[in-house]
Amino acid sequence: MNRDELRRALLETLSDVAPEGDFDRLAPERPLRDQLDIDSYDFLQWMVALHERLGIDIPETDYPRLATLNSAIEYLAVHVAASQP
């Protein structure tokens, strides 16, 4: 899965959690929670959705590493690649 596919998966799962979000205007280095006005429960739902869609475990201790669009894509790229044979 390349970075564009990861970005698409990330945004699609986010849109399920925050359907009112303006995903075309997301600043890649600003915290997603602030930009989309999602709370900790919404963020947890997003982590679960990513786990289900991508088949990777995301430990709670790693959640801060998915705070921004760019950092989430980077994190997922590494972990998805590591999970593939």
N, C-alpha and C. Protein backbone atom coordinates (compact mmCIF):
# COMPACT_ATOMS: atom_id res chain seq x y z
N MET A 1 0.86 -1.17 0.00
CA MET A 1 0.00 0.00 0.00
C MET A 1 0.91 1.24 0.00
N ASN A 2 0.71 2.10 -0.99
CA ASN A 2 1.56 3.30 -1.07
C ASN A 2 0.97 4.43 -0.22
N ARG A 3 1.69 5.53 -0.14
CA ARG A 3 1.27 6.64 0.72
C ARG A 3 -0.05 7.28 0.27
N ASP A 4 -0.29 7.33 -1.01
CA ASP A 4 -1.57 7.88 -1.50
C ASP A 4 -2.74 6.99 -1.06
N GLU A 5 -2.54 5.69 -1.15
CA GLU A 5 -3.59 4.76 -0.71
C GLU A 5 -3.80 4.85 0.80
N LEU A 6 -2.70 5.01 1.53
CA LEU A 6 -2.80 5.18 2.98
C LEU A 6 -3.54 6.47 3.32
N ARG A 7 -3.21 7.53 2.63
CA ARG A 7 -3.88 8.82 2.87
C ARG A 7 -5.38 8.69 2.61
N ARG A 8 -5.73 8.03 1.54
CA ARG A 8 -7.13 7.84 1.20
C ARG A 8 -7.84 7.00 2.28
N ALA A 9 -7.21 5.92 2.72
CA ALA A 9 -7.79 5.08 3.77
C ALA A 9 -7.94 5.86 5.07
N LEU A 10 -6.93 6.63 5.39
CA LEU A 10 -6.95 7.44 6.60
C LEU A 10 -8.10 8.45 6.56
N LEU A 11 -8.24 9.15 5.46
CA LEU A 11 -9.30 10.16 5.34
C LEU A 11 -10.70 9.53 5.27
N GLU A 12 -10.81 8.39 4.62
CA GLU A 12 -12.12 7.72 4.55
C GLU A 12 -12.57 7.25 5.92
N THR A 13 -11.65 6.69 6.70
CA THR A 13 -12.02 6.27 8.05
C THR A 13 -12.30 7.47 8.94
N LEU A 14 -11.56 8.54 8.75
CA LEU A 14 -11.82 9.77 9.52
C LEU A 14 -13.19 10.34 9.17
N SER A 15 -13.57 10.27 7.91
CA SER A 15 -14.86 10.83 7.50
C SER A 15 -16.03 10.07 8.12
N ASP A 16 -15.81 8.81 8.47
CA ASP A 16 -16.85 8.05 9.17
C ASP A 16 -17.02 8.56 10.60
N VAL A 17 -15.93 9.02 11.20
CA VAL A 17 -15.94 9.51 12.58
C VAL A 17 -16.37 10.98 12.63
N ALA A 18 -15.93 11.76 11.66
CA ALA A 18 -16.22 13.20 11.62
C ALA A 18 -16.78 13.56 10.25
N PRO A 19 -18.01 13.14 9.96
CA PRO A 19 -18.57 13.35 8.62
C PRO A 19 -18.70 14.82 8.21
N GLU A 20 -18.72 15.71 9.17
CA GLU A 20 -18.86 17.13 8.86
C GLU A 20 -17.50 17.80 8.59
N GLY A 21 -16.42 17.05 8.69
CA GLY A 21 -15.09 17.62 8.51
C GLY A 21 -14.82 18.08 7.09
N ASP A 22 -14.01 19.13 6.99
CA ASP A 22 -13.59 19.65 5.69
C ASP A 22 -12.21 19.07 5.39
N PHE A 23 -12.18 17.91 4.80
CA PHE A 23 -10.94 17.16 4.62
C PHE A 23 -10.05 17.74 3.53
N ASP A 24 -10.61 18.54 2.65
CA ASP A 24 -9.81 19.17 1.60
C ASP A 24 -8.95 20.31 2.16
N ARG A 25 -9.30 20.79 3.33
CA ARG A 25 -8.59 21.94 3.90
C ARG A 25 -7.71 21.57 5.08
N LEU A 26 -7.49 20.28 5.31
CA LEU A 26 -6.67 19.87 6.44
C LEU A 26 -5.22 20.31 6.24
N ALA A 27 -4.68 20.95 7.26
CA ALA A 27 -3.27 21.31 7.25
C ALA A 27 -2.49 20.07 7.71
N PRO A 28 -1.54 19.59 6.90
CA PRO A 28 -0.88 18.31 7.17
C PRO A 28 -0.07 18.25 8.46
N GLU A 29 0.32 19.39 9.01
CA GLU A 29 1.14 19.40 10.22
C GLU A 29 0.39 19.86 11.47
N ARG A 30 -0.89 20.18 11.34
CA ARG A 30 -1.68 20.59 12.50
C ARG A 30 -2.43 19.38 13.06
N PRO A 31 -2.64 19.34 14.37
CA PRO A 31 -3.34 18.20 14.96
C PRO A 31 -4.74 18.01 14.36
N LEU A 32 -5.02 16.78 14.00
CA LEU A 32 -6.30 16.44 13.39
C LEU A 32 -7.46 16.67 14.37
N ARG A 33 -7.24 16.37 15.64
CA ARG A 33 -8.31 16.55 16.63
C ARG A 33 -8.75 18.00 16.69
N ASP A 34 -7.80 18.92 16.61
CA ASP A 34 -8.14 20.34 16.65
C ASP A 34 -8.86 20.77 15.37
N GLN A 35 -8.37 20.31 14.25
CA GLN A 35 -8.95 20.72 12.97
C GLN A 35 -10.34 20.18 12.72
N LEU A 36 -10.59 18.97 13.23
CA LEU A 36 -11.88 18.32 12.98
C LEU A 36 -12.80 18.37 14.20
N ASP A 37 -12.31 18.95 15.28
CA ASP A 37 -13.08 19.07 16.51
C ASP A 37 -13.62 17.71 16.96
N ILE A 38 -12.72 16.73 17.03
CA ILE A 38 -13.11 15.40 17.51
C ILE A 38 -12.57 15.20 18.92
N ASP A 39 -13.33 14.47 19.71
CA ASP A 39 -12.92 14.22 21.09
C ASP A 39 -12.15 12.90 21.18
N SER A 40 -11.77 12.53 22.39
CA SER A 40 -10.96 11.32 22.57
C SER A 40 -11.72 10.06 22.16
N TYR A 41 -13.03 10.03 22.37
CA TYR A 41 -13.81 8.87 21.95
C TYR A 41 -13.82 8.75 20.42
N ASP A 42 -14.01 9.87 19.72
CA ASP A 42 -13.96 9.85 18.26
C ASP A 42 -12.59 9.39 17.77
N PHE A 43 -11.55 9.88 18.42
CA PHE A 43 -10.19 9.48 18.03
C PHE A 43 -10.02 7.97 18.22
N LEU A 44 -10.52 7.44 19.33
CA LEU A 44 -10.45 6.00 19.58
C LEU A 44 -11.21 5.23 18.51
N GLN A 45 -12.39 5.70 18.13
CA GLN A 45 -13.15 5.06 17.05
C GLN A 45 -12.35 5.05 15.76
N TRP A 46 -11.62 6.12 15.50
CA TRP A 46 -10.80 6.20 14.31
C TRP A 46 -9.67 5.17 14.36
N MET A 47 -9.04 5.02 15.53
CA MET A 47 -7.97 4.03 15.67
C MET A 47 -8.50 2.63 15.41
N VAL A 48 -9.68 2.33 15.93
CA VAL A 48 -10.30 1.01 15.72
C VAL A 48 -10.60 0.80 14.24
N ALA A 49 -11.13 1.83 13.59
CA ALA A 49 -11.45 1.73 12.16
C ALA A 49 -10.19 1.50 11.33
N LEU A 50 -9.11 2.20 11.68
CA LEU A 50 -7.84 1.99 10.96
C LEU A 50 -7.33 0.56 11.17
N HIS A 51 -7.42 0.08 12.39
CA HIS A 51 -7.00 -1.29 12.69
C HIS A 51 -7.79 -2.29 11.84
N GLU A 52 -9.10 -2.11 11.80
CA GLU A 52 -9.94 -3.02 11.04
C GLU A 52 -9.68 -2.94 9.54
N ARG A 53 -9.48 -1.75 9.04
CA ARG A 53 -9.29 -1.57 7.60
C ARG A 53 -7.91 -2.02 7.14
N LEU A 54 -6.88 -1.71 7.92
CA LEU A 54 -5.51 -1.99 7.50
C LEU A 54 -4.92 -3.26 8.09
N GLY A 55 -5.58 -3.80 9.10
CA GLY A 55 -5.09 -5.04 9.71
C GLY A 55 -3.83 -4.89 10.53
N ILE A 56 -3.62 -3.71 11.08
CA ILE A 56 -2.44 -3.51 11.93
C ILE A 56 -2.89 -3.09 13.33
N ASP A 57 -2.08 -3.51 14.31
CA ASP A 57 -2.35 -3.09 15.68
C ASP A 57 -1.74 -1.72 15.90
N ILE A 58 -2.50 -0.87 16.57
CA ILE A 58 -2.01 0.47 16.93
C ILE A 58 -2.13 0.58 18.44
N PRO A 59 -1.04 0.37 19.16
CA PRO A 59 -1.10 0.46 20.61
C PRO A 59 -1.46 1.87 21.07
N GLU A 60 -2.16 1.93 22.19
CA GLU A 60 -2.59 3.22 22.72
C GLU A 60 -1.40 4.15 22.95
N THR A 61 -0.26 3.60 23.29
CA THR A 61 0.92 4.43 23.51
C THR A 61 1.40 5.11 22.23
N ASP A 62 0.98 4.60 21.08
CA ASP A 62 1.36 5.19 19.79
C ASP A 62 0.37 6.22 19.27
N TYR A 63 -0.77 6.37 19.91
CA TYR A 63 -1.78 7.31 19.42
C TYR A 63 -1.24 8.72 19.17
N PRO A 64 -0.38 9.25 20.04
CA PRO A 64 0.16 10.59 19.76
C PRO A 64 0.94 10.67 18.45
N ARG A 65 1.44 9.55 17.98
CA ARG A 65 2.20 9.53 16.73
C ARG A 65 1.30 9.66 15.50
N LEU A 66 -0.01 9.62 15.71
CA LEU A 66 -0.97 9.77 14.62
C LEU A 66 -1.74 11.08 14.76
N ALA A 67 -1.14 12.05 15.39
CA ALA A 67 -1.82 13.30 15.71
C ALA A 67 -2.08 14.18 14.49
N THR A 68 -1.16 14.18 13.53
CA THR A 68 -1.32 15.01 12.35
C THR A 68 -1.48 14.13 11.12
N LEU A 69 -1.92 14.71 10.03
CA LEU A 69 -2.08 13.95 8.80
C LEU A 69 -0.74 13.36 8.35
N ASN A 70 0.29 14.18 8.33
CA ASN A 70 1.59 13.69 7.89
C ASN A 70 2.16 12.62 8.81
N SER A 71 2.06 12.84 10.13
CA SER A 71 2.62 11.86 11.06
C SER A 71 1.83 10.55 11.02
N ALA A 72 0.52 10.63 10.80
CA ALA A 72 -0.29 9.42 10.70
C ALA A 72 0.08 8.61 9.46
N ILE A 73 0.26 9.29 8.34
CA ILE A 73 0.65 8.60 7.11
C ILE A 73 2.02 7.95 7.29
N GLU A 74 2.95 8.66 7.89
CA GLU A 74 4.28 8.11 8.12
C GLU A 74 4.22 6.87 9.02
N TYR A 75 3.49 6.99 10.11
CA TYR A 75 3.34 5.87 11.05
C TYR A 75 2.73 4.66 10.34
N LEU A 76 1.65 4.88 9.63
CA LEU A 76 0.96 3.78 8.96
C LEU A 76 1.82 3.16 7.87
N ALA A 77 2.56 3.97 7.13
CA ALA A 77 3.43 3.44 6.07
C ALA A 77 4.43 2.44 6.64
N VAL A 78 5.03 2.78 7.74
CA VAL A 78 6.02 1.90 8.37
C VAL A 78 5.36 0.62 8.88
N HIS A 79 4.23 0.76 9.55
CA HIS A 79 3.60 -0.40 10.17
C HIS A 79 2.86 -1.31 9.18
N VAL A 80 2.31 -0.73 8.14
CA VAL A 80 1.68 -1.57 7.12
C VAL A 80 2.75 -2.36 6.37
N ALA A 81 3.84 -1.70 6.04
CA ALA A 81 4.95 -2.38 5.35
C ALA A 81 5.51 -3.52 6.20
N ALA A 82 5.62 -3.29 7.50
CA ALA A 82 6.16 -4.31 8.40
C ALA A 82 5.21 -5.49 8.56
N SER A 83 3.93 -5.27 8.35
CA SER A 83 2.95 -6.35 8.52
C SER A 83 2.79 -7.22 7.29
N GLN A 84 3.36 -6.79 6.17
CA GLN A 84 3.24 -7.55 4.93
C GLN A 84 4.41 -8.52 4.80
N PRO A 85 4.13 -9.73 4.29
CA PRO A 85 5.20 -10.73 4.17
C PRO A 85 6.24 -10.38 3.15
